[in-house]
């Protein structure tokens, strides 16, 4: 596969000076743009939920909440693309850092991404555990730690064999894995990557923000695993910040717990194996501010070669836009 264009890379300088600055000013550099807000004349999709998904195969005796975004342009007669977000409460929140329903509304309306069903799924919990919230995503209160950080295929089984059949009862989803994307932040990001890594026959697009490719449950091995394995047909966009968690553990530096260094190693491994990938590194901390600010551009890049067609409901008479051409060798 061709190597990715390493576009939109922020210049990173003055490491020592920046590292001494408090986290909030660094993260406040990143602001949401107009793609993350509603606009007059842009049809708004509907968000249904929270709904409940029990697991009887992958994680017996657990349930998890999820929400479904249905774009205004969805036609049950036409298979729709699919994108699944881990830690769903954070991505579906219209006052949060990502505001994905607004982003989808705008990008789908402008044919910058296909008509896409969005699914926002929380980590599972047992009857005596708590549902994830914006204050506590679940590492200490539910099944998130195990579901998201393990490198086995159990979570992929949950998504492919339990979530997808449930969605198929109500929605016409494309069976083409190139029409399916999966995303997450922090442990949700390594979780999304693991689903595509384990099941590229089902998901071939990944968005990763502040990804935890660290030794929470052995995830630090991914760069070496990528190098040692035959390339998989997946497209990946990674985001992280220079001031993400930098590996201080029990008073000493441990590179296996350095979030930024591990994301940089992921980039190097993906480049070496000629994956279709992109990345953006900024100066932020382990925060969703930067990821939220660049999410629209990440999605444009992820779906850049989609076939663009006329929206039958569009009364402006705009003509179809051609698919984006592949980059030249010189631009790679």
C-alpha atoms as a PDB file:
ATOM      1  CA  UNK A   1       0.000   0.000   0.000  1.00  0.00           C
ATOM      2  CA  UNK A   2       1.212   3.516  -0.649  1.00  0.00           C
ATOM      3  CA  UNK A   3       2.673   5.539   2.167  1.00  0.00           C
ATOM      4  CA  UNK A   4       0.595   8.413   3.466  1.00  0.00           C
ATOM      5  CA  UNK A   5       1.113  12.073   2.910  1.00  0.00           C
ATOM      6  CA  UNK A   6       2.185  13.459   6.248  1.00  0.00           C
ATOM      7  CA  UNK A   7       0.046  16.552   6.014  1.00  0.00           C
ATOM      8  CA  UNK A   8      -1.056  19.069   8.611  1.00  0.00           C
ATOM      9  CA  UNK A   9       1.920  18.443  10.889  1.00  0.00           C
ATOM     10  CA  UNK A  10       2.271  21.156  13.494  1.00  0.00           C
ATOM     11  CA  UNK A  11       5.785  22.443  14.059  1.00  0.00           C
ATOM     12  CA  UNK A  12       6.945  21.443  17.522  1.00  0.00           C
ATOM     13  CA  UNK A  13       9.650  23.615  19.067  1.00  0.00           C
ATOM     14  CA  UNK A  14      10.981  24.777  22.395  1.00  0.00           C
ATOM     15  CA  UNK A  15      10.219  21.503  24.113  1.00  0.00           C
ATOM     16  CA  UNK A  16      11.748  22.425  27.450  1.00  0.00           C
ATOM     17  CA  UNK A  17       9.926  25.735  27.653  1.00  0.00           C
ATOM     18  CA  UNK A  18       6.602  24.314  26.532  1.00  0.00           C
ATOM     19  CA  UNK A  19       6.811  21.393  28.925  1.00  0.00           C
ATOM     20  CA  UNK A  20       6.984  23.757  31.867  1.00  0.00           C
ATOM     21  CA  UNK A  21       3.704  25.481  30.967  1.00  0.00           C
ATOM     22  CA  UNK A  22       0.525  24.352  32.701  1.00  0.00           C
ATOM     23  CA  UNK A  23      -1.808  22.051  30.793  1.00  0.00           C
ATOM     24  CA  UNK A  24      -4.835  24.306  30.363  1.00  0.00           C
ATOM     25  CA  UNK A  25      -3.194  27.053  28.264  1.00  0.00           C
ATOM     26  CA  UNK A  26      -1.653  24.424  25.994  1.00  0.00           C
ATOM     27  CA  UNK A  27      -4.951  22.671  25.355  1.00  0.00           C
ATOM     28  CA  UNK A  28      -6.814  25.952  25.006  1.00  0.00           C
ATOM     29  CA  UNK A  29      -4.782  26.593  21.859  1.00  0.00           C
ATOM     30  CA  UNK A  30      -7.205  24.234  20.122  1.00  0.00           C
ATOM     31  CA  UNK A  31     -10.682  25.558  19.403  1.00  0.00           C
ATOM     32  CA  UNK A  32     -13.589  23.997  17.570  1.00  0.00           C
ATOM     33  CA  UNK A  33     -14.268  25.440  14.125  1.00  0.00           C
ATOM     34  CA  UNK A  34     -17.451  25.967  12.095  1.00  0.00           C
ATOM     35  CA  UNK A  35     -17.544  22.305  11.018  1.00  0.00           C
ATOM     36  CA  UNK A  36     -18.375  21.410  14.629  1.00  0.00           C
ATOM     37  CA  UNK A  37     -21.424  23.690  14.905  1.00  0.00           C
ATOM     38  CA  UNK A  38     -24.953  23.650  13.442  1.00  0.00           C
ATOM     39  CA  UNK A  39     -25.731  25.858  10.446  1.00  0.00           C
ATOM     40  CA  UNK A  40     -28.916  27.135   8.860  1.00  0.00           C
ATOM     41  CA  UNK A  41     -29.774  25.185   5.742  1.00  0.00           C
ATOM     42  CA  UNK A  42     -27.793  22.094   6.741  1.00  0.00           C
ATOM     43  CA  UNK A  43     -30.128  19.148   7.411  1.00  0.00           C
ATOM     44  CA  UNK A  44     -29.640  17.702  10.875  1.00  0.00           C
ATOM     45  CA  UNK A  45     -29.563  13.993  11.523  1.00  0.00           C
ATOM     46  CA  UNK A  46     -31.345  12.357  14.437  1.00  0.00           C
ATOM     47  CA  UNK A  47     -29.653  10.856  17.474  1.00  0.00           C
ATOM     48  CA  UNK A  48     -31.498   7.928  19.010  1.00  0.00           C
ATOM     49  CA  UNK A  49     -30.725   6.644  22.483  1.00  0.00           C
ATOM     50  CA  UNK A  50     -29.377   5.791  24.837  1.00  0.00           C
ATOM     51  CA  UNK A  51     -30.117   2.240  23.800  1.00  0.00           C
ATOM     52  CA  UNK A  52     -28.803  -0.867  25.546  1.00  0.00           C
ATOM     53  CA  UNK A  53     -26.646  -3.625  24.086  1.00  0.00           C
ATOM     54  CA  UNK A  54     -26.238  -6.754  26.205  1.00  0.00           C
ATOM     55  CA  UNK A  55     -23.340  -9.096  25.540  1.00  0.00           C
ATOM     56  CA  UNK A  56     -23.838 -12.844  25.621  1.00  0.00           C
ATOM     57  CA  UNK A  57     -20.750 -13.826  23.615  1.00  0.00           C
ATOM     58  CA  UNK A  58     -17.771 -11.549  24.232  1.00  0.00           C
ATOM     59  CA  UNK A  59     -18.454 -10.267  27.752  1.00  0.00           C
ATOM     60  CA  UNK A  60     -21.317 -12.270  29.305  1.00  0.00           C
ATOM     61  CA  UNK A  61     -23.451 -10.550  31.931  1.00  0.00           C
ATOM     62  CA  UNK A  62     -22.507  -7.046  30.780  1.00  0.00           C
ATOM     63  CA  UNK A  63     -24.543  -4.329  29.107  1.00  0.00           C
ATOM     64  CA  UNK A  64     -23.524  -1.000  27.581  1.00  0.00           C
ATOM     65  CA  UNK A  65     -25.350   2.109  26.457  1.00  0.00           C
ATOM     66  CA  UNK A  66     -25.098   3.319  22.879  1.00  0.00           C
ATOM     67  CA  UNK A  67     -26.556   6.007  20.654  1.00  0.00           C
ATOM     68  CA  UNK A  68     -27.258   5.920  16.913  1.00  0.00           C
ATOM     69  CA  UNK A  69     -26.925   8.941  14.635  1.00  0.00           C
ATOM     70  CA  UNK A  70     -29.068   8.691  11.492  1.00  0.00           C
ATOM     71  CA  UNK A  71     -28.235  11.339   8.876  1.00  0.00           C
ATOM     72  CA  UNK A  72     -31.047  13.288   7.247  1.00  0.00           C
ATOM     73  CA  UNK A  73     -29.907  11.910   3.878  1.00  0.00           C
ATOM     74  CA  UNK A  74     -30.191   8.263   4.918  1.00  0.00           C
ATOM     75  CA  UNK A  75     -32.276   6.216   2.463  1.00  0.00           C
ATOM     76  CA  UNK A  76     -33.089   2.671   3.648  1.00  0.00           C
ATOM     77  CA  UNK A  77     -32.936   1.560   0.022  1.00  0.00           C
ATOM     78  CA  UNK A  78     -29.250   2.494  -0.173  1.00  0.00           C
ATOM     79  CA  UNK A  79     -26.559   0.866   1.998  1.00  0.00           C
ATOM     80  CA  UNK A  80     -25.017   3.423   4.334  1.00  0.00           C
ATOM     81  CA  UNK A  81     -21.469   3.675   5.584  1.00  0.00           C
ATOM     82  CA  UNK A  82     -20.858   3.046   9.288  1.00  0.00           C
ATOM     83  CA  UNK A  83     -18.617   4.659  11.889  1.00  0.00           C
ATOM     84  CA  UNK A  84     -18.375   3.392  15.479  1.00  0.00           C
ATOM     85  CA  UNK A  85     -17.020   5.570  18.298  1.00  0.00           C
ATOM     86  CA  UNK A  86     -15.814   4.102  21.584  1.00  0.00           C
ATOM     87  CA  UNK A  87     -16.575   6.067  24.778  1.00  0.00           C
ATOM     88  CA  UNK A  88     -19.682   7.080  22.898  1.00  0.00           C
ATOM     89  CA  UNK A  89     -20.940   9.580  25.474  1.00  0.00           C
ATOM     90  CA  UNK A  90     -17.916  11.815  24.775  1.00  0.00           C
ATOM     91  CA  UNK A  91     -18.353  11.884  21.001  1.00  0.00           C
ATOM     92  CA  UNK A  92     -22.140  12.228  20.816  1.00  0.00           C
ATOM     93  CA  UNK A  93     -22.235  15.111  23.321  1.00  0.00           C
ATOM     94  CA  UNK A  94     -23.217  18.305  21.487  1.00  0.00           C
ATOM     95  CA  UNK A  95     -21.501  20.421  24.140  1.00  0.00           C
ATOM     96  CA  UNK A  96     -18.336  18.314  24.385  1.00  0.00           C
ATOM     97  CA  UNK A  97     -14.965  18.329  22.687  1.00  0.00           C
ATOM     98  CA  UNK A  98     -16.005  16.393  19.554  1.00  0.00           C
ATOM     99  CA  UNK A  99     -19.706  17.109  18.772  1.00  0.00           C
ATOM    100  CA  UNK A 100     -19.708  14.446  16.087  1.00  0.00           C
ATOM    101  CA  UNK A 101     -23.403  14.750  15.107  1.00  0.00           C
ATOM    102  CA  UNK A 102     -22.787  18.356  14.005  1.00  0.00           C
ATOM    103  CA  UNK A 103     -19.581  17.356  12.198  1.00  0.00           C
ATOM    104  CA  UNK A 104     -21.390  14.553  10.377  1.00  0.00           C
ATOM    105  CA  UNK A 105     -24.259  16.891   9.439  1.00  0.00           C
ATOM    106  CA  UNK A 106     -21.871  19.368   7.819  1.00  0.00           C
ATOM    107  CA  UNK A 107     -19.526  16.933   6.088  1.00  0.00           C
ATOM    108  CA  UNK A 108     -22.299  14.688   4.765  1.00  0.00           C
ATOM    109  CA  UNK A 109     -24.197  17.724   3.460  1.00  0.00           C
ATOM    110  CA  UNK A 110     -21.125  18.907   1.557  1.00  0.00           C
ATOM    111  CA  UNK A 111     -20.333  15.388   0.233  1.00  0.00           C
ATOM    112  CA  UNK A 112     -17.034  15.383   2.139  1.00  0.00           C
ATOM    113  CA  UNK A 113     -17.934  12.055   3.676  1.00  0.00           C
ATOM    114  CA  UNK A 114     -20.550   9.479   2.677  1.00  0.00           C
ATOM    115  CA  UNK A 115     -24.010   9.082   4.167  1.00  0.00           C
ATOM    116  CA  UNK A 116     -22.904   7.435   7.399  1.00  0.00           C
ATOM    117  CA  UNK A 117     -24.707   5.861  10.325  1.00  0.00           C
ATOM    118  CA  UNK A 118     -22.825   6.870  13.470  1.00  0.00           C
ATOM    119  CA  UNK A 119     -22.790   4.618  16.523  1.00  0.00           C
ATOM    120  CA  UNK A 120     -21.526   5.883  19.872  1.00  0.00           C
ATOM    121  CA  UNK A 121     -20.986   2.995  22.263  1.00  0.00           C
ATOM    122  CA  UNK A 122     -19.919   3.055  25.899  1.00  0.00           C
ATOM    123  CA  UNK A 123     -17.812   0.409  27.641  1.00  0.00           C
ATOM    124  CA  UNK A 124     -19.723  -2.434  29.241  1.00  0.00           C
ATOM    125  CA  UNK A 125     -20.658  -2.856  32.862  1.00  0.00           C
ATOM    126  CA  UNK A 126     -21.997  -5.571  35.103  1.00  0.00           C
ATOM    127  CA  UNK A 127     -25.105  -5.119  37.221  1.00  0.00           C
ATOM    128  CA  UNK A 128     -23.052  -3.782  40.143  1.00  0.00           C
ATOM    129  CA  UNK A 129     -20.901  -1.404  38.066  1.00  0.00           C
ATOM    130  CA  UNK A 130     -21.587   2.146  36.938  1.00  0.00           C
ATOM    131  CA  UNK A 131     -22.344   3.496  33.486  1.00  0.00           C
ATOM    132  CA  UNK A 132     -19.629   5.695  31.981  1.00  0.00           C
ATOM    133  CA  UNK A 133     -20.105   9.465  32.303  1.00  0.00           C
ATOM    134  CA  UNK A 134     -18.255  12.573  31.159  1.00  0.00           C
ATOM    135  CA  UNK A 135     -16.723  12.782  34.645  1.00  0.00           C
ATOM    136  CA  UNK A 136     -15.677   9.118  34.852  1.00  0.00           C
ATOM    137  CA  UNK A 137     -15.196   7.294  31.564  1.00  0.00           C
ATOM    138  CA  UNK A 138     -15.054   3.970  33.369  1.00  0.00           C
ATOM    139  CA  UNK A 139     -11.520   2.736  34.047  1.00  0.00           C
ATOM    140  CA  UNK A 140     -12.305   2.504  37.757  1.00  0.00           C
ATOM    141  CA  UNK A 141     -16.052   1.963  37.617  1.00  0.00           C
ATOM    142  CA  UNK A 142     -16.863  -0.464  34.799  1.00  0.00           C
ATOM    143  CA  UNK A 143     -15.368  -2.861  32.224  1.00  0.00           C
ATOM    144  CA  UNK A 144     -13.515  -0.222  30.182  1.00  0.00           C
ATOM    145  CA  UNK A 145     -10.020  -1.161  31.360  1.00  0.00           C
ATOM    146  CA  UNK A 146     -10.328  -4.746  30.118  1.00  0.00           C
ATOM    147  CA  UNK A 147     -12.464  -4.209  27.029  1.00  0.00           C
ATOM    148  CA  UNK A 148     -10.458  -1.340  25.555  1.00  0.00           C
ATOM    149  CA  UNK A 149      -6.837  -2.136  26.405  1.00  0.00           C
ATOM    150  CA  UNK A 150      -6.567  -5.870  25.756  1.00  0.00           C
ATOM    151  CA  UNK A 151      -5.048  -6.900  22.428  1.00  0.00           C
ATOM    152  CA  UNK A 152      -7.194 -10.003  21.933  1.00  0.00           C
ATOM    153  CA  UNK A 153     -10.236 -10.293  19.645  1.00  0.00           C
ATOM    154  CA  UNK A 154     -12.938 -10.217  22.318  1.00  0.00           C
ATOM    155  CA  UNK A 155     -13.960  -6.608  21.787  1.00  0.00           C
ATOM    156  CA  UNK A 156     -13.878  -7.075  18.015  1.00  0.00           C
ATOM    157  CA  UNK A 157     -16.255  -9.987  18.580  1.00  0.00           C
ATOM    158  CA  UNK A 158     -18.586  -7.691  20.529  1.00  0.00           C
ATOM    159  CA  UNK A 159     -18.645  -5.171  17.682  1.00  0.00           C
ATOM    160  CA  UNK A 160     -18.826  -7.610  14.760  1.00  0.00           C
ATOM    161  CA  UNK A 161     -20.963 -10.418  16.169  1.00  0.00           C
ATOM    162  CA  UNK A 162     -23.190  -8.563  18.633  1.00  0.00           C
ATOM    163  CA  UNK A 163     -23.447  -4.871  17.704  1.00  0.00           C
ATOM    164  CA  UNK A 164     -23.563  -5.173  13.905  1.00  0.00           C
ATOM    165  CA  UNK A 165     -26.384  -7.763  13.827  1.00  0.00           C
ATOM    166  CA  UNK A 166     -28.372  -5.551  16.189  1.00  0.00           C
ATOM    167  CA  UNK A 167     -27.900  -2.534  13.925  1.00  0.00           C
ATOM    168  CA  UNK A 168     -28.747  -4.575  10.821  1.00  0.00           C
ATOM    169  CA  UNK A 169     -32.261  -5.119  12.164  1.00  0.00           C
ATOM    170  CA  UNK A 170     -33.021  -1.423  11.719  1.00  0.00           C
ATOM    171  CA  UNK A 171     -30.547  -0.050   9.184  1.00  0.00           C
ATOM    172  CA  UNK A 172     -29.244  -0.942   5.739  1.00  0.00           C
ATOM    173  CA  UNK A 173     -25.483  -0.941   6.287  1.00  0.00           C
ATOM    174  CA  UNK A 174     -22.847  -1.482   3.645  1.00  0.00           C
ATOM    175  CA  UNK A 175     -21.080  -4.839   3.911  1.00  0.00           C
ATOM    176  CA  UNK A 176     -17.923  -3.385   2.341  1.00  0.00           C
ATOM    177  CA  UNK A 177     -15.235  -3.045   5.071  1.00  0.00           C
ATOM    178  CA  UNK A 178     -13.941   0.044   3.251  1.00  0.00           C
ATOM    179  CA  UNK A 179     -17.255   1.701   4.145  1.00  0.00           C
ATOM    180  CA  UNK A 180     -16.723   1.058   7.856  1.00  0.00           C
ATOM    181  CA  UNK A 181     -14.674   3.213  10.212  1.00  0.00           C
ATOM    182  CA  UNK A 182     -13.971   2.956  13.926  1.00  0.00           C
ATOM    183  CA  UNK A 183     -12.640   5.623  16.288  1.00  0.00           C
ATOM    184  CA  UNK A 184     -11.757   6.399  19.853  1.00  0.00           C
ATOM    185  CA  UNK A 185      -9.703   8.485  22.254  1.00  0.00           C
ATOM    186  CA  UNK A 186      -7.038   7.288  24.695  1.00  0.00           C
ATOM    187  CA  UNK A 187      -7.806   3.640  25.544  1.00  0.00           C
ATOM    188  CA  UNK A 188     -10.744   3.904  23.148  1.00  0.00           C
ATOM    189  CA  UNK A 189      -8.228   4.675  20.378  1.00  0.00           C
ATOM    190  CA  UNK A 190      -6.098   1.577  20.874  1.00  0.00           C
ATOM    191  CA  UNK A 191      -9.387  -0.319  21.139  1.00  0.00           C
ATOM    192  CA  UNK A 192     -10.490   1.008  17.744  1.00  0.00           C
ATOM    193  CA  UNK A 193      -7.135   0.114  16.214  1.00  0.00           C
ATOM    194  CA  UNK A 194      -7.347  -3.388  17.688  1.00  0.00           C
ATOM    195  CA  UNK A 195     -10.771  -3.979  16.126  1.00  0.00           C
ATOM    196  CA  UNK A 196      -9.428  -3.078  12.659  1.00  0.00           C
ATOM    197  CA  UNK A 197      -6.206  -5.011  13.296  1.00  0.00           C
ATOM    198  CA  UNK A 198      -8.135  -8.120  14.329  1.00  0.00           C
ATOM    199  CA  UNK A 199     -10.952  -7.779  11.784  1.00  0.00           C
ATOM    200  CA  UNK A 200      -9.856  -5.904   8.641  1.00  0.00           C
ATOM    201  CA  UNK A 201     -12.499  -7.956   6.858  1.00  0.00           C
ATOM    202  CA  UNK A 202     -15.034  -5.778   8.708  1.00  0.00           C
ATOM    203  CA  UNK A 203     -13.374  -2.395   9.450  1.00  0.00           C
ATOM    204  CA  UNK A 204     -10.656  -0.698   7.405  1.00  0.00           C
ATOM    205  CA  UNK A 205     -10.653   2.894   8.618  1.00  0.00           C
ATOM    206  CA  UNK A 206      -9.371   4.068  12.022  1.00  0.00           C
ATOM    207  CA  UNK A 207      -9.297   7.434  13.792  1.00  0.00           C
ATOM    208  CA  UNK A 208      -7.080   7.548  16.892  1.00  0.00           C
ATOM    209  CA  UNK A 209      -6.795  10.548  19.236  1.00  0.00           C
ATOM    210  CA  UNK A 210      -4.338  10.582  22.174  1.00  0.00           C
ATOM    211  CA  UNK A 211      -4.057   6.815  21.668  1.00  0.00           C
ATOM    212  CA  UNK A 212      -2.912   4.678  24.614  1.00  0.00           C
ATOM    213  CA  UNK A 213      -0.404   2.495  22.774  1.00  0.00           C
ATOM    214  CA  UNK A 214       1.279   1.952  26.130  1.00  0.00           C
ATOM    215  CA  UNK A 215       1.766  -0.858  28.606  1.00  0.00           C
ATOM    216  CA  UNK A 216      -1.660  -0.706  30.222  1.00  0.00           C
ATOM    217  CA  UNK A 217      -2.264  -4.270  29.060  1.00  0.00           C
ATOM    218  CA  UNK A 218       0.671  -4.706  26.707  1.00  0.00           C
ATOM    219  CA  UNK A 219      -0.316  -2.218  24.014  1.00  0.00           C
ATOM    220  CA  UNK A 220       3.257  -0.910  23.764  1.00  0.00           C
ATOM    221  CA  UNK A 221       4.033  -3.895  21.504  1.00  0.00           C
ATOM    222  CA  UNK A 222       1.986  -2.556  18.587  1.00  0.00           C
ATOM    223  CA  UNK A 223       4.844  -0.749  16.772  1.00  0.00           C
ATOM    224  CA  UNK A 224       6.920  -3.936  16.746  1.00  0.00           C
ATOM    225  CA  UNK A 225       3.869  -6.030  15.898  1.00  0.00           C
ATOM    226  CA  UNK A 226       3.143  -3.802  12.897  1.00  0.00           C
ATOM    227  CA  UNK A 227       6.710  -4.197  11.671  1.00  0.00           C
ATOM    228  CA  UNK A 228       6.678  -7.982  12.125  1.00  0.00           C
ATOM    229  CA  UNK A 229       3.327  -8.567  10.403  1.00  0.00           C
ATOM    230  CA  UNK A 230       2.217  -8.433   6.810  1.00  0.00           C
ATOM    231  CA  UNK A 231       0.531  -5.062   6.124  1.00  0.00           C
ATOM    232  CA  UNK A 232      -3.195  -5.075   6.716  1.00  0.00           C
ATOM    233  CA  UNK A 233      -5.593  -3.174   4.411  1.00  0.00           C
ATOM    234  CA  UNK A 234      -6.436  -0.488   6.952  1.00  0.00           C
ATOM    235  CA  UNK A 235      -6.229   3.321   6.789  1.00  0.00           C
ATOM    236  CA  UNK A 236      -5.200   5.103   9.995  1.00  0.00           C
ATOM    237  CA  UNK A 237      -5.130   8.717  11.202  1.00  0.00           C
ATOM    238  CA  UNK A 238      -3.413   9.366  14.549  1.00  0.00           C
ATOM    239  CA  UNK A 239      -3.379  12.511  16.705  1.00  0.00           C
ATOM    240  CA  UNK A 240      -1.382  13.190  19.848  1.00  0.00           C
ATOM    241  CA  UNK A 241       0.326  15.985  21.764  1.00  0.00           C
ATOM    242  CA  UNK A 242       3.912  16.528  22.848  1.00  0.00           C
ATOM    243  CA  UNK A 243       2.729  17.060  26.418  1.00  0.00           C
ATOM    244  CA  UNK A 244       0.631  13.906  26.626  1.00  0.00           C
ATOM    245  CA  UNK A 245       1.552  11.582  29.528  1.00  0.00           C
ATOM    246  CA  UNK A 246       5.328  11.253  29.214  1.00  0.00           C
ATOM    247  CA  UNK A 247       6.185   8.035  30.990  1.00  0.00           C
ATOM    248  CA  UNK A 248       6.741   8.967  34.614  1.00  0.00           C
ATOM    249  CA  UNK A 249       5.885   5.861  36.599  1.00  0.00           C
ATOM    250  CA  UNK A 250       6.765   5.340  40.229  1.00  0.00           C
ATOM    251  CA  UNK A 251       9.125   8.279  40.030  1.00  0.00           C
ATOM    252  CA  UNK A 252      11.147   7.033  37.051  1.00  0.00           C
ATOM    253  CA  UNK A 253      10.836   7.342  33.295  1.00  0.00           C
ATOM    254  CA  UNK A 254       9.509   4.227  31.570  1.00  0.00           C
ATOM    255  CA  UNK A 255       9.283   4.498  27.769  1.00  0.00           C
ATOM    256  CA  UNK A 256       6.521   1.888  27.670  1.00  0.00           C
ATOM    257  CA  UNK A 257       4.340   4.431  29.516  1.00  0.00           C
ATOM    258  CA  UNK A 258       5.190   7.424  27.313  1.00  0.00           C
ATOM    259  CA  UNK A 259       2.029   8.183  25.331  1.00  0.00           C
ATOM    260  CA  UNK A 260       3.658  10.609  22.905  1.00  0.00           C
ATOM    261  CA  UNK A 261       6.723   8.453  22.276  1.00  0.00           C
ATOM    262  CA  UNK A 262       4.529   5.423  21.622  1.00  0.00           C
ATOM    263  CA  UNK A 263       2.369   7.358  19.150  1.00  0.00           C
ATOM    264  CA  UNK A 264       5.554   8.479  17.385  1.00  0.00           C
ATOM    265  CA  UNK A 265       6.670   4.846  17.221  1.00  0.00           C
ATOM    266  CA  UNK A 266       3.297   3.928  15.722  1.00  0.00           C
ATOM    267  CA  UNK A 267       3.858   6.525  13.003  1.00  0.00           C
ATOM    268  CA  UNK A 268       7.331   5.183  12.252  1.00  0.00           C
ATOM    269  CA  UNK A 269       6.086   1.593  12.056  1.00  0.00           C
ATOM    270  CA  UNK A 270       3.139   2.458   9.819  1.00  0.00           C
ATOM    271  CA  UNK A 271       5.438   4.441   7.537  1.00  0.00           C
ATOM    272  CA  UNK A 272       7.984   1.618   7.361  1.00  0.00           C
ATOM    273  CA  UNK A 273       5.299  -0.888   6.355  1.00  0.00           C
ATOM    274  CA  UNK A 274       3.819   1.593   3.837  1.00  0.00           C
ATOM    275  CA  UNK A 275       0.367   1.835   5.374  1.00  0.00           C
ATOM    276  CA  UNK A 276      -2.135   4.387   4.147  1.00  0.00           C
ATOM    277  CA  UNK A 277      -1.855   6.643   7.189  1.00  0.00           C
ATOM    278  CA  UNK A 278      -1.664  10.216   8.374  1.00  0.00           C
ATOM    279  CA  UNK A 279      -0.936  11.927  11.674  1.00  0.00           C
ATOM    280  CA  UNK A 280      -0.938  15.275  13.418  1.00  0.00           C
ATOM    281  CA  UNK A 281       1.161  16.029  16.495  1.00  0.00           C
ATOM    282  CA  UNK A 282       0.560  19.168  18.538  1.00  0.00           C
ATOM    283  CA  UNK A 283       1.592  20.507  21.948  1.00  0.00           C
ATOM    284  CA  UNK A 284      -1.425  19.363  23.962  1.00  0.00           C
ATOM    285  CA  UNK A 285      -1.729  17.147  27.018  1.00  0.00           C
ATOM    286  CA  UNK A 286      -3.833  13.998  27.446  1.00  0.00           C
ATOM    287  CA  UNK A 287      -6.844  16.060  26.441  1.00  0.00           C
ATOM    288  CA  UNK A 288      -9.529  15.838  23.770  1.00  0.00           C
ATOM    289  CA  UNK A 289      -9.250  19.514  22.790  1.00  0.00           C
ATOM    290  CA  UNK A 290      -6.839  19.033  19.901  1.00  0.00           C
ATOM    291  CA  UNK A 291      -8.515  15.862  18.666  1.00  0.00           C
ATOM    292  CA  UNK A 292     -11.874  17.607  18.631  1.00  0.00           C
ATOM    293  CA  UNK A 293     -10.497  20.613  16.762  1.00  0.00           C
ATOM    294  CA  UNK A 294      -8.953  18.528  13.969  1.00  0.00           C
ATOM    295  CA  UNK A 295     -11.623  15.823  13.787  1.00  0.00           C
ATOM    296  CA  UNK A 296     -13.355  17.305  10.696  1.00  0.00           C
ATOM    297  CA  UNK A 297     -10.045  17.262   8.789  1.00  0.00           C
ATOM    298  CA  UNK A 298      -9.340  13.728   9.988  1.00  0.00           C
ATOM    299  CA  UNK A 299     -12.701  12.607   8.627  1.00  0.00           C
ATOM    300  CA  UNK A 300     -12.186  14.386   5.308  1.00  0.00           C
ATOM    301  CA  UNK A 301      -8.878  12.577   4.892  1.00  0.00           C
ATOM    302  CA  UNK A 302     -10.337   9.250   5.983  1.00  0.00           C
ATOM    303  CA  UNK A 303     -13.104   9.388   3.357  1.00  0.00           C
ATOM    304  CA  UNK A 304     -11.139  11.327   0.736  1.00  0.00           C
ATOM    305  CA  UNK A 305     -11.647   8.820  -2.083  1.00  0.00           C
ATOM    306  CA  UNK A 306     -15.375   8.283  -1.602  1.00  0.00           C
ATOM    307  CA  UNK A 307     -17.600   8.420  -4.672  1.00  0.00           C
ATOM    308  CA  UNK A 308     -19.481  11.719  -4.562  1.00  0.00           C
ATOM    309  CA  UNK A 309     -23.013  11.933  -5.944  1.00  0.00           C
ATOM    310  CA  UNK A 310     -25.846  14.423  -6.166  1.00  0.00           C
ATOM    311  CA  UNK A 311     -28.156  14.577  -3.151  1.00  0.00           C
ATOM    312  CA  UNK A 312     -31.697  14.102  -4.528  1.00  0.00           C
ATOM    313  CA  UNK A 313     -33.011  16.368  -1.759  1.00  0.00           C
ATOM    314  CA  UNK A 314     -30.661  19.193  -2.742  1.00  0.00           C
ATOM    315  CA  UNK A 315     -32.551  21.913  -4.591  1.00  0.00           C
ATOM    316  CA  UNK A 316     -29.476  23.977  -5.504  1.00  0.00           C
ATOM    317  CA  UNK A 317     -28.745  21.941  -8.627  1.00  0.00           C
ATOM    318  CA  UNK A 318     -25.138  21.294  -7.688  1.00  0.00           C
ATOM    319  CA  UNK A 319     -23.396  18.703  -9.807  1.00  0.00           C
ATOM    320  CA  UNK A 320     -21.538  15.658  -8.478  1.00  0.00           C
ATOM    321  CA  UNK A 321     -18.004  16.232  -7.274  1.00  0.00           C
ATOM    322  CA  UNK A 322     -15.293  13.895  -8.543  1.00  0.00           C
ATOM    323  CA  UNK A 323     -13.509  11.623  -6.121  1.00  0.00           C
ATOM    324  CA  UNK A 324     -10.253  13.074  -4.824  1.00  0.00           C
ATOM    325  CA  UNK A 325      -7.323  11.957  -6.976  1.00  0.00           C
ATOM    326  CA  UNK A 326      -4.631   9.815  -5.367  1.00  0.00           C
ATOM    327  CA  UNK A 327      -1.512  11.692  -4.297  1.00  0.00           C
ATOM    328  CA  UNK A 328       1.385  11.795  -6.711  1.00  0.00           C
ATOM    329  CA  UNK A 329       4.543   9.900  -5.814  1.00  0.00           C
ATOM    330  CA  UNK A 330       6.270  13.198  -5.172  1.00  0.00           C
ATOM    331  CA  UNK A 331       3.656  14.153  -2.567  1.00  0.00           C
ATOM    332  CA  UNK A 332       3.851  10.943  -0.590  1.00  0.00           C
END
